[in-house]
């Protein structure tokens, strides 16, 4: 993989990777703002309802407005930025791995936008993005890098999906506990506790399902690449890496994203695991 190692650390490609990360972070910020406000409403509702049913109804009304605003305004903006991020990541892969660009699935960013996104970024943070320490020839070298990406994302999606499921259960249990403690009627519970929690419950349950689905799809990509890496066939090599790249781009541009705080938390361990697996895959 000497060519991949050199290409991914070239300045122009480091800029592409840095720009992709910056754009993905903006997408995650928009998604995070929506989820955070929904969480604030869900946590505030039981407390406010225990003090005043009337105030609880105002929180419920605000939750209804937010439910529509977040889905009709915030979500489309976030998805547009995500497609731009996926386009830059795809350009990075095309330059480093030699894979074809999927222009129909992602929105390519201009050179000016890439420069603006990386003006004050330390490019050294993005060196050695793929595990290219071995001397595997093409196409095995490309397949190993694609596999590493699929496995990393699969593990993140699975972990975050479980966290979201746990949060949904916890918030629901909190609301029921408060209602029982204050001897509130079912009507009061539905109006001033459950309704303000709906944005969070809907977002979290949908996201949890989306992350589980993304983990399964990444797992399918991983399985296909594992099969190819065990017995590389030159006759199907181009089709294999192209199909994997197309599926990865689809998930990058339209799939759910894991927040940066979780990425930073697991990155050191995942990176060590990724490089160990890449070395093991090419060790006789």
C-alpha atoms as a PDB file:
ATOM      1  CA  UNK A   1       0.000   0.000   0.000  1.00  0.00           C
ATOM      2  CA  UNK A   2       2.850   2.493  -0.453  1.00  0.00           C
ATOM      3  CA  UNK A   3       0.829   4.429  -3.031  1.00  0.00           C
ATOM      4  CA  UNK A   4      -2.166   4.774  -0.701  1.00  0.00           C
ATOM      5  CA  UNK A   5       0.037   5.760   2.221  1.00  0.00           C
ATOM      6  CA  UNK A   6       1.710   8.498   0.197  1.00  0.00           C
ATOM      7  CA  UNK A   7      -1.485   9.706  -1.473  1.00  0.00           C
ATOM      8  CA  UNK A   8      -3.539  10.027   1.710  1.00  0.00           C
ATOM      9  CA  UNK A   9      -0.834  12.174   3.309  1.00  0.00           C
ATOM     10  CA  UNK A  10      -0.438  14.546   0.352  1.00  0.00           C
ATOM     11  CA  UNK A  11      -1.396  18.092   1.330  1.00  0.00           C
ATOM     12  CA  UNK A  12      -4.215  18.428  -1.186  1.00  0.00           C
ATOM     13  CA  UNK A  13      -5.789  15.183   0.014  1.00  0.00           C
ATOM     14  CA  UNK A  14      -5.355  16.070   3.674  1.00  0.00           C
ATOM     15  CA  UNK A  15      -7.354  19.208   2.873  1.00  0.00           C
ATOM     16  CA  UNK A  16     -10.107  17.080   1.385  1.00  0.00           C
ATOM     17  CA  UNK A  17     -10.274  14.883   4.470  1.00  0.00           C
ATOM     18  CA  UNK A  18     -10.209  17.887   6.806  1.00  0.00           C
ATOM     19  CA  UNK A  19     -12.987  19.573   4.817  1.00  0.00           C
ATOM     20  CA  UNK A  20     -15.115  16.428   4.915  1.00  0.00           C
ATOM     21  CA  UNK A  21     -14.719  16.184   8.690  1.00  0.00           C
ATOM     22  CA  UNK A  22     -15.579  19.875   9.122  1.00  0.00           C
ATOM     23  CA  UNK A  23     -18.722  19.553   7.002  1.00  0.00           C
ATOM     24  CA  UNK A  24     -19.775  16.384   8.783  1.00  0.00           C
ATOM     25  CA  UNK A  25     -19.273  18.179  12.110  1.00  0.00           C
ATOM     26  CA  UNK A  26     -21.605  20.940  10.943  1.00  0.00           C
ATOM     27  CA  UNK A  27     -24.206  18.354  10.035  1.00  0.00           C
ATOM     28  CA  UNK A  28     -23.848  16.704  13.427  1.00  0.00           C
ATOM     29  CA  UNK A  29     -24.150  20.094  15.132  1.00  0.00           C
ATOM     30  CA  UNK A  30     -27.463  20.727  13.392  1.00  0.00           C
ATOM     31  CA  UNK A  31     -28.693  17.239  14.266  1.00  0.00           C
ATOM     32  CA  UNK A  32     -27.429  17.668  17.817  1.00  0.00           C
ATOM     33  CA  UNK A  33     -29.226  20.987  18.284  1.00  0.00           C
ATOM     34  CA  UNK A  34     -32.493  19.361  17.338  1.00  0.00           C
ATOM     35  CA  UNK A  35     -31.999  16.367  19.615  1.00  0.00           C
ATOM     36  CA  UNK A  36     -30.747  18.521  22.517  1.00  0.00           C
ATOM     37  CA  UNK A  37     -33.778  20.813  22.409  1.00  0.00           C
ATOM     38  CA  UNK A  38     -36.079  17.792  22.242  1.00  0.00           C
ATOM     39  CA  UNK A  39     -34.272  16.326  25.259  1.00  0.00           C
ATOM     40  CA  UNK A  40     -34.604  19.615  27.159  1.00  0.00           C
ATOM     41  CA  UNK A  41     -38.358  19.653  26.539  1.00  0.00           C
ATOM     42  CA  UNK A  42     -38.707  16.027  27.604  1.00  0.00           C
ATOM     43  CA  UNK A  43     -36.744  16.545  30.838  1.00  0.00           C
ATOM     44  CA  UNK A  44     -38.396  19.859  31.678  1.00  0.00           C
ATOM     45  CA  UNK A  45     -41.944  18.622  31.139  1.00  0.00           C
ATOM     46  CA  UNK A  46     -42.208  16.381  34.253  1.00  0.00           C
ATOM     47  CA  UNK A  47     -40.642  19.051  36.473  1.00  0.00           C
ATOM     48  CA  UNK A  48     -42.874  21.846  35.178  1.00  0.00           C
ATOM     49  CA  UNK A  49     -45.952  19.637  35.233  1.00  0.00           C
ATOM     50  CA  UNK A  50     -45.351  18.820  38.902  1.00  0.00           C
ATOM     51  CA  UNK A  51     -45.522  22.551  39.675  1.00  0.00           C
ATOM     52  CA  UNK A  52     -48.275  23.718  37.324  1.00  0.00           C
ATOM     53  CA  UNK A  53     -50.504  21.907  34.855  1.00  0.00           C
ATOM     54  CA  UNK A  54     -51.083  25.183  32.997  1.00  0.00           C
ATOM     55  CA  UNK A  55     -47.353  25.725  32.478  1.00  0.00           C
ATOM     56  CA  UNK A  56     -47.078  22.121  31.383  1.00  0.00           C
ATOM     57  CA  UNK A  57     -49.606  22.770  28.623  1.00  0.00           C
ATOM     58  CA  UNK A  58     -47.437  25.625  27.313  1.00  0.00           C
ATOM     59  CA  UNK A  59     -44.468  23.260  27.188  1.00  0.00           C
ATOM     60  CA  UNK A  60     -46.646  20.774  25.312  1.00  0.00           C
ATOM     61  CA  UNK A  61     -47.602  23.459  22.781  1.00  0.00           C
ATOM     62  CA  UNK A  62     -43.943  24.380  22.314  1.00  0.00           C
ATOM     63  CA  UNK A  63     -43.108  20.715  21.752  1.00  0.00           C
ATOM     64  CA  UNK A  64     -45.722  20.510  19.012  1.00  0.00           C
ATOM     65  CA  UNK A  65     -44.270  23.532  17.226  1.00  0.00           C
ATOM     66  CA  UNK A  66     -40.736  22.180  17.593  1.00  0.00           C
ATOM     67  CA  UNK A  67     -41.732  18.781  16.211  1.00  0.00           C
ATOM     68  CA  UNK A  68     -42.717  20.375  12.904  1.00  0.00           C
ATOM     69  CA  UNK A  69     -39.957  23.010  12.826  1.00  0.00           C
ATOM     70  CA  UNK A  70     -37.158  20.507  13.388  1.00  0.00           C
ATOM     71  CA  UNK A  71     -38.365  18.217  10.609  1.00  0.00           C
ATOM     72  CA  UNK A  72     -39.399  20.837   8.070  1.00  0.00           C
ATOM     73  CA  UNK A  73     -36.575  23.363   8.544  1.00  0.00           C
ATOM     74  CA  UNK A  74     -33.608  21.975  10.470  1.00  0.00           C
ATOM     75  CA  UNK A  75     -33.478  18.468   8.997  1.00  0.00           C
ATOM     76  CA  UNK A  76     -33.367  19.514   5.297  1.00  0.00           C
ATOM     77  CA  UNK A  77     -30.502  21.933   5.984  1.00  0.00           C
ATOM     78  CA  UNK A  78     -28.565  19.224   7.824  1.00  0.00           C
ATOM     79  CA  UNK A  79     -29.056  16.727   4.999  1.00  0.00           C
ATOM     80  CA  UNK A  80     -27.836  19.248   2.423  1.00  0.00           C
ATOM     81  CA  UNK A  81     -24.610  19.802   4.373  1.00  0.00           C
ATOM     82  CA  UNK A  82     -24.248  16.032   4.805  1.00  0.00           C
ATOM     83  CA  UNK A  83     -24.400  15.460   1.051  1.00  0.00           C
ATOM     84  CA  UNK A  84     -21.663  18.055   0.598  1.00  0.00           C
ATOM     85  CA  UNK A  85     -19.524  16.290   3.206  1.00  0.00           C
ATOM     86  CA  UNK A  86     -20.066  12.937   1.492  1.00  0.00           C
ATOM     87  CA  UNK A  87     -19.044  14.487  -1.824  1.00  0.00           C
ATOM     88  CA  UNK A  88     -15.744  15.707  -0.383  1.00  0.00           C
ATOM     89  CA  UNK A  89     -15.084  12.336   1.268  1.00  0.00           C
ATOM     90  CA  UNK A  90     -15.786  10.646  -2.057  1.00  0.00           C
ATOM     91  CA  UNK A  91     -13.281  12.953  -3.766  1.00  0.00           C
ATOM     92  CA  UNK A  92     -10.717  11.977  -1.117  1.00  0.00           C
ATOM     93  CA  UNK A  93     -11.314   8.289  -1.773  1.00  0.00           C
ATOM     94  CA  UNK A  94     -11.093   8.820  -5.532  1.00  0.00           C
ATOM     95  CA  UNK A  95      -7.728  10.551  -5.130  1.00  0.00           C
ATOM     96  CA  UNK A  96      -6.327   8.090  -2.584  1.00  0.00           C
ATOM     97  CA  UNK A  97      -7.922   4.747  -3.469  1.00  0.00           C
ATOM     98  CA  UNK A  98      -8.624   5.336  -7.149  1.00  0.00           C
ATOM     99  CA  UNK A  99     -12.325   4.556  -6.752  1.00  0.00           C
ATOM    100  CA  UNK A 100     -14.923   6.130  -9.087  1.00  0.00           C
ATOM    101  CA  UNK A 101     -16.755   9.269  -7.940  1.00  0.00           C
ATOM    102  CA  UNK A 102     -20.486   8.912  -7.301  1.00  0.00           C
ATOM    103  CA  UNK A 103     -21.704  12.342  -8.379  1.00  0.00           C
ATOM    104  CA  UNK A 104     -25.350  11.274  -8.423  1.00  0.00           C
ATOM    105  CA  UNK A 105     -25.415  10.523  -4.688  1.00  0.00           C
ATOM    106  CA  UNK A 106     -23.411  13.400  -3.225  1.00  0.00           C
ATOM    107  CA  UNK A 107     -22.945  17.115  -3.778  1.00  0.00           C
ATOM    108  CA  UNK A 108     -19.338  17.983  -4.703  1.00  0.00           C
ATOM    109  CA  UNK A 109     -17.831  21.009  -2.952  1.00  0.00           C
ATOM    110  CA  UNK A 110     -15.889  23.688  -4.797  1.00  0.00           C
ATOM    111  CA  UNK A 111     -12.214  24.372  -4.224  1.00  0.00           C
ATOM    112  CA  UNK A 112     -13.143  27.648  -2.539  1.00  0.00           C
ATOM    113  CA  UNK A 113     -15.461  25.875  -0.093  1.00  0.00           C
ATOM    114  CA  UNK A 114     -12.810  23.280   0.714  1.00  0.00           C
ATOM    115  CA  UNK A 115     -10.235  25.998   1.373  1.00  0.00           C
ATOM    116  CA  UNK A 116     -12.684  27.934   3.555  1.00  0.00           C
ATOM    117  CA  UNK A 117     -13.469  24.833   5.613  1.00  0.00           C
ATOM    118  CA  UNK A 118      -9.785  24.066   6.238  1.00  0.00           C
ATOM    119  CA  UNK A 119      -8.275  27.539   6.546  1.00  0.00           C
ATOM    120  CA  UNK A 120      -7.325  27.188  10.223  1.00  0.00           C
ATOM    121  CA  UNK A 121      -7.260  23.406  10.550  1.00  0.00           C
ATOM    122  CA  UNK A 122      -4.228  21.374  11.621  1.00  0.00           C
ATOM    123  CA  UNK A 123      -3.907  18.998   8.672  1.00  0.00           C
ATOM    124  CA  UNK A 124      -1.572  16.736  10.629  1.00  0.00           C
ATOM    125  CA  UNK A 125      -4.568  15.385  12.543  1.00  0.00           C
ATOM    126  CA  UNK A 126      -5.755  13.648   9.388  1.00  0.00           C
ATOM    127  CA  UNK A 127      -2.560  11.865   8.391  1.00  0.00           C
ATOM    128  CA  UNK A 128      -2.695   8.082   7.889  1.00  0.00           C
ATOM    129  CA  UNK A 129      -6.487   8.086   7.657  1.00  0.00           C
ATOM    130  CA  UNK A 130      -6.569   4.567   6.252  1.00  0.00           C
ATOM    131  CA  UNK A 131      -4.553   1.605   7.623  1.00  0.00           C
ATOM    132  CA  UNK A 132      -2.008   1.473   4.813  1.00  0.00           C
ATOM    133  CA  UNK A 133       0.964   0.021   6.699  1.00  0.00           C
ATOM    134  CA  UNK A 134       1.113  -3.258   4.773  1.00  0.00           C
ATOM    135  CA  UNK A 135       2.503  -3.871   1.282  1.00  0.00           C
ATOM    136  CA  UNK A 136      -0.654  -5.446  -0.149  1.00  0.00           C
ATOM    137  CA  UNK A 137      -1.065  -4.939  -3.910  1.00  0.00           C
ATOM    138  CA  UNK A 138      -4.122  -3.547  -5.657  1.00  0.00           C
ATOM    139  CA  UNK A 139      -7.004  -4.416  -5.366  1.00  0.00           C
ATOM    140  CA  UNK A 140      -6.504  -5.974  -1.943  1.00  0.00           C
ATOM    141  CA  UNK A 141      -5.071  -2.703  -0.637  1.00  0.00           C
ATOM    142  CA  UNK A 142      -8.228  -0.799  -1.589  1.00  0.00           C
ATOM    143  CA  UNK A 143     -10.554  -3.497  -0.243  1.00  0.00           C
ATOM    144  CA  UNK A 144      -8.747  -3.487   3.111  1.00  0.00           C
ATOM    145  CA  UNK A 145      -9.202   0.281   3.426  1.00  0.00           C
ATOM    146  CA  UNK A 146     -12.878   0.058   2.515  1.00  0.00           C
ATOM    147  CA  UNK A 147     -13.345  -2.783   4.977  1.00  0.00           C
ATOM    148  CA  UNK A 148     -11.697  -0.748   7.751  1.00  0.00           C
ATOM    149  CA  UNK A 149     -14.126   2.093   7.113  1.00  0.00           C
ATOM    150  CA  UNK A 150     -17.135  -0.237   7.114  1.00  0.00           C
ATOM    151  CA  UNK A 151     -16.137  -1.953  10.366  1.00  0.00           C
ATOM    152  CA  UNK A 152     -15.391   1.315  12.185  1.00  0.00           C
ATOM    153  CA  UNK A 153     -18.763   2.787  11.222  1.00  0.00           C
ATOM    154  CA  UNK A 154     -20.645  -0.440  11.957  1.00  0.00           C
ATOM    155  CA  UNK A 155     -19.320  -0.509  15.508  1.00  0.00           C
ATOM    156  CA  UNK A 156     -20.177   3.161  16.050  1.00  0.00           C
ATOM    157  CA  UNK A 157     -23.705   2.797  14.681  1.00  0.00           C
ATOM    158  CA  UNK A 158     -24.393  -0.234  16.837  1.00  0.00           C
ATOM    159  CA  UNK A 159     -23.115   1.486  19.991  1.00  0.00           C
ATOM    160  CA  UNK A 160     -25.004   4.727  19.413  1.00  0.00           C
ATOM    161  CA  UNK A 161     -28.200   2.883  18.524  1.00  0.00           C
ATOM    162  CA  UNK A 162     -28.070   1.151  21.896  1.00  0.00           C
ATOM    163  CA  UNK A 163     -27.441   4.438  23.702  1.00  0.00           C
ATOM    164  CA  UNK A 164     -30.441   6.042  21.995  1.00  0.00           C
ATOM    165  CA  UNK A 165     -32.670   3.106  22.878  1.00  0.00           C
ATOM    166  CA  UNK A 166     -31.592   3.353  26.508  1.00  0.00           C
ATOM    167  CA  UNK A 167     -32.239   7.110  26.565  1.00  0.00           C
ATOM    168  CA  UNK A 168     -35.726   6.643  25.122  1.00  0.00           C
ATOM    169  CA  UNK A 169     -36.626   4.074  27.767  1.00  0.00           C
ATOM    170  CA  UNK A 170     -35.170   6.247  30.558  1.00  0.00           C
ATOM    171  CA  UNK A 171     -37.106   9.380  29.559  1.00  0.00           C
ATOM    172  CA  UNK A 172     -40.348   7.418  29.250  1.00  0.00           C
ATOM    173  CA  UNK A 173     -39.804   5.841  32.666  1.00  0.00           C
ATOM    174  CA  UNK A 174     -39.064   9.255  34.196  1.00  0.00           C
ATOM    175  CA  UNK A 175     -42.326  10.717  32.912  1.00  0.00           C
ATOM    176  CA  UNK A 176     -44.374   7.781  34.183  1.00  0.00           C
ATOM    177  CA  UNK A 177     -42.634   7.935  37.577  1.00  0.00           C
ATOM    178  CA  UNK A 178     -43.367  11.650  37.987  1.00  0.00           C
ATOM    179  CA  UNK A 179     -46.998  11.162  36.979  1.00  0.00           C
ATOM    180  CA  UNK A 180     -47.468   8.344  39.504  1.00  0.00           C
ATOM    181  CA  UNK A 181     -45.649  10.231  42.274  1.00  0.00           C
ATOM    182  CA  UNK A 182     -47.849  13.305  41.816  1.00  0.00           C
ATOM    183  CA  UNK A 183     -51.003  11.214  41.408  1.00  0.00           C
ATOM    184  CA  UNK A 184     -51.712  12.806  38.054  1.00  0.00           C
ATOM    185  CA  UNK A 185     -54.553  11.586  35.875  1.00  0.00           C
ATOM    186  CA  UNK A 186     -53.985   9.847  32.568  1.00  0.00           C
ATOM    187  CA  UNK A 187     -55.293  12.939  30.790  1.00  0.00           C
ATOM    188  CA  UNK A 188     -52.772  15.161  32.572  1.00  0.00           C
ATOM    189  CA  UNK A 189     -49.950  12.727  31.865  1.00  0.00           C
ATOM    190  CA  UNK A 190     -50.761  12.606  28.170  1.00  0.00           C
ATOM    191  CA  UNK A 191     -51.144  16.385  27.830  1.00  0.00           C
ATOM    192  CA  UNK A 192     -48.337  17.809  29.953  1.00  0.00           C
ATOM    193  CA  UNK A 193     -45.741  15.017  30.144  1.00  0.00           C
ATOM    194  CA  UNK A 194     -46.026  12.657  27.200  1.00  0.00           C
ATOM    195  CA  UNK A 195     -46.778  15.292  24.545  1.00  0.00           C
ATOM    196  CA  UNK A 196     -43.690  17.432  25.356  1.00  0.00           C
ATOM    197  CA  UNK A 197     -41.635  14.239  25.210  1.00  0.00           C
ATOM    198  CA  UNK A 198     -42.909  13.240  21.774  1.00  0.00           C
ATOM    199  CA  UNK A 199     -40.209  15.085  19.750  1.00  0.00           C
ATOM    200  CA  UNK A 200     -37.488  13.273  21.684  1.00  0.00           C
ATOM    201  CA  UNK A 201     -39.252   9.916  21.660  1.00  0.00           C
ATOM    202  CA  UNK A 202     -39.894  10.119  17.921  1.00  0.00           C
ATOM    203  CA  UNK A 203     -36.396  11.371  17.075  1.00  0.00           C
ATOM    204  CA  UNK A 204     -34.626   8.921  19.370  1.00  0.00           C
ATOM    205  CA  UNK A 205     -36.663   5.887  18.323  1.00  0.00           C
ATOM    206  CA  UNK A 206     -36.306   6.707  14.612  1.00  0.00           C
ATOM    207  CA  UNK A 207     -32.591   7.394  15.004  1.00  0.00           C
ATOM    208  CA  UNK A 208     -32.032   4.200  16.976  1.00  0.00           C
ATOM    209  CA  UNK A 209     -33.702   2.214  14.210  1.00  0.00           C
ATOM    210  CA  UNK A 210     -31.745   4.073  11.533  1.00  0.00           C
ATOM    211  CA  UNK A 211     -28.448   3.371  13.295  1.00  0.00           C
ATOM    212  CA  UNK A 212     -29.296  -0.314  13.668  1.00  0.00           C
ATOM    213  CA  UNK A 213     -30.133  -0.469   9.965  1.00  0.00           C
ATOM    214  CA  UNK A 214     -26.907   1.359   9.079  1.00  0.00           C
ATOM    215  CA  UNK A 215     -24.923  -1.086  11.202  1.00  0.00           C
ATOM    216  CA  UNK A 216     -26.479  -4.005   9.314  1.00  0.00           C
ATOM    217  CA  UNK A 217     -25.716  -2.416   5.941  1.00  0.00           C
ATOM    218  CA  UNK A 218     -22.122  -1.699   6.946  1.00  0.00           C
ATOM    219  CA  UNK A 219     -21.892  -5.284   8.136  1.00  0.00           C
ATOM    220  CA  UNK A 220     -23.018  -6.498   4.711  1.00  0.00           C
ATOM    221  CA  UNK A 221     -20.291  -4.412   3.054  1.00  0.00           C
ATOM    222  CA  UNK A 222     -17.778  -5.810   5.532  1.00  0.00           C
ATOM    223  CA  UNK A 223     -18.850  -9.394   4.800  1.00  0.00           C
ATOM    224  CA  UNK A 224     -18.545  -8.918   1.031  1.00  0.00           C
ATOM    225  CA  UNK A 225     -15.078  -7.401   1.380  1.00  0.00           C
ATOM    226  CA  UNK A 226     -13.983 -10.107   3.827  1.00  0.00           C
ATOM    227  CA  UNK A 227     -14.946 -12.738   1.279  1.00  0.00           C
ATOM    228  CA  UNK A 228     -13.023 -10.918  -1.435  1.00  0.00           C
ATOM    229  CA  UNK A 229      -9.942 -10.401   0.766  1.00  0.00           C
ATOM    230  CA  UNK A 230      -9.775 -14.106   1.582  1.00  0.00           C
ATOM    231  CA  UNK A 231      -9.603 -15.002  -2.115  1.00  0.00           C
ATOM    232  CA  UNK A 232      -8.992 -11.932  -4.311  1.00  0.00           C
ATOM    233  CA  UNK A 233     -10.214 -12.529  -7.848  1.00  0.00           C
ATOM    234  CA  UNK A 234      -8.755 -10.143 -10.456  1.00  0.00           C
ATOM    235  CA  UNK A 235     -11.748 -10.810 -12.704  1.00  0.00           C
ATOM    236  CA  UNK A 236     -14.196  -9.343 -10.168  1.00  0.00           C
ATOM    237  CA  UNK A 237     -11.855  -6.924  -8.400  1.00  0.00           C
ATOM    238  CA  UNK A 238     -13.042  -3.755 -10.092  1.00  0.00           C
ATOM    239  CA  UNK A 239     -16.722  -4.598  -9.612  1.00  0.00           C
ATOM    240  CA  UNK A 240     -16.166  -5.496  -5.952  1.00  0.00           C
ATOM    241  CA  UNK A 241     -14.423  -2.288  -4.915  1.00  0.00           C
ATOM    242  CA  UNK A 242     -16.787  -0.162  -7.029  1.00  0.00           C
ATOM    243  CA  UNK A 243     -19.859  -1.750  -5.442  1.00  0.00           C
ATOM    244  CA  UNK A 244     -18.430  -1.294  -1.956  1.00  0.00           C
ATOM    245  CA  UNK A 245     -17.615   2.346  -2.682  1.00  0.00           C
ATOM    246  CA  UNK A 246     -21.098   2.987  -4.032  1.00  0.00           C
ATOM    247  CA  UNK A 247     -22.698   1.463  -0.935  1.00  0.00           C
ATOM    248  CA  UNK A 248     -20.399   3.408   1.393  1.00  0.00           C
ATOM    249  CA  UNK A 249     -21.211   6.659  -0.390  1.00  0.00           C
ATOM    250  CA  UNK A 250     -24.932   5.951  -0.120  1.00  0.00           C
ATOM    251  CA  UNK A 251     -24.614   5.553   3.648  1.00  0.00           C
ATOM    252  CA  UNK A 252     -22.334   8.567   4.022  1.00  0.00           C
ATOM    253  CA  UNK A 253     -24.665  10.862   2.124  1.00  0.00           C
ATOM    254  CA  UNK A 254     -28.041   9.667   3.418  1.00  0.00           C
ATOM    255  CA  UNK A 255     -27.467   7.571   6.514  1.00  0.00           C
ATOM    256  CA  UNK A 256     -27.508   8.630  10.176  1.00  0.00           C
ATOM    257  CA  UNK A 257     -24.381  10.163  11.698  1.00  0.00           C
ATOM    258  CA  UNK A 258     -22.708   9.449  15.022  1.00  0.00           C
ATOM    259  CA  UNK A 259     -22.024  12.596  17.108  1.00  0.00           C
ATOM    260  CA  UNK A 260     -18.469  13.879  17.412  1.00  0.00           C
ATOM    261  CA  UNK A 261     -18.329  13.364  21.180  1.00  0.00           C
ATOM    262  CA  UNK A 262     -18.862   9.624  20.722  1.00  0.00           C
ATOM    263  CA  UNK A 263     -16.373   9.525  17.846  1.00  0.00           C
ATOM    264  CA  UNK A 264     -13.706  11.165  20.023  1.00  0.00           C
ATOM    265  CA  UNK A 265     -14.489   8.779  22.865  1.00  0.00           C
ATOM    266  CA  UNK A 266     -14.010   5.593  20.849  1.00  0.00           C
ATOM    267  CA  UNK A 267     -11.466   6.776  18.250  1.00  0.00           C
ATOM    268  CA  UNK A 268      -8.225   5.768  20.066  1.00  0.00           C
ATOM    269  CA  UNK A 269      -9.441   2.218  20.700  1.00  0.00           C
ATOM    270  CA  UNK A 270     -11.085   1.818  17.305  1.00  0.00           C
ATOM    271  CA  UNK A 271      -7.992   3.110  15.511  1.00  0.00           C
ATOM    272  CA  UNK A 272      -5.776   0.595  17.299  1.00  0.00           C
ATOM    273  CA  UNK A 273      -8.226  -2.221  16.498  1.00  0.00           C
ATOM    274  CA  UNK A 274      -8.440  -1.138  12.845  1.00  0.00           C
ATOM    275  CA  UNK A 275      -4.693  -1.145  12.264  1.00  0.00           C
ATOM    276  CA  UNK A 276      -4.244  -4.457  14.069  1.00  0.00           C
ATOM    277  CA  UNK A 277      -6.913  -6.068  11.876  1.00  0.00           C
ATOM    278  CA  UNK A 278      -5.352  -4.637   8.707  1.00  0.00           C
ATOM    279  CA  UNK A 279      -1.924  -6.017   9.638  1.00  0.00           C
ATOM    280  CA  UNK A 280      -3.391  -9.396  10.556  1.00  0.00           C
ATOM    281  CA  UNK A 281      -5.277  -9.639   7.269  1.00  0.00           C
ATOM    282  CA  UNK A 282      -2.052  -9.432   5.285  1.00  0.00           C
ATOM    283  CA  UNK A 283       0.209 -11.432   7.593  1.00  0.00           C
ATOM    284  CA  UNK A 284       1.048 -14.869   6.184  1.00  0.00           C
END
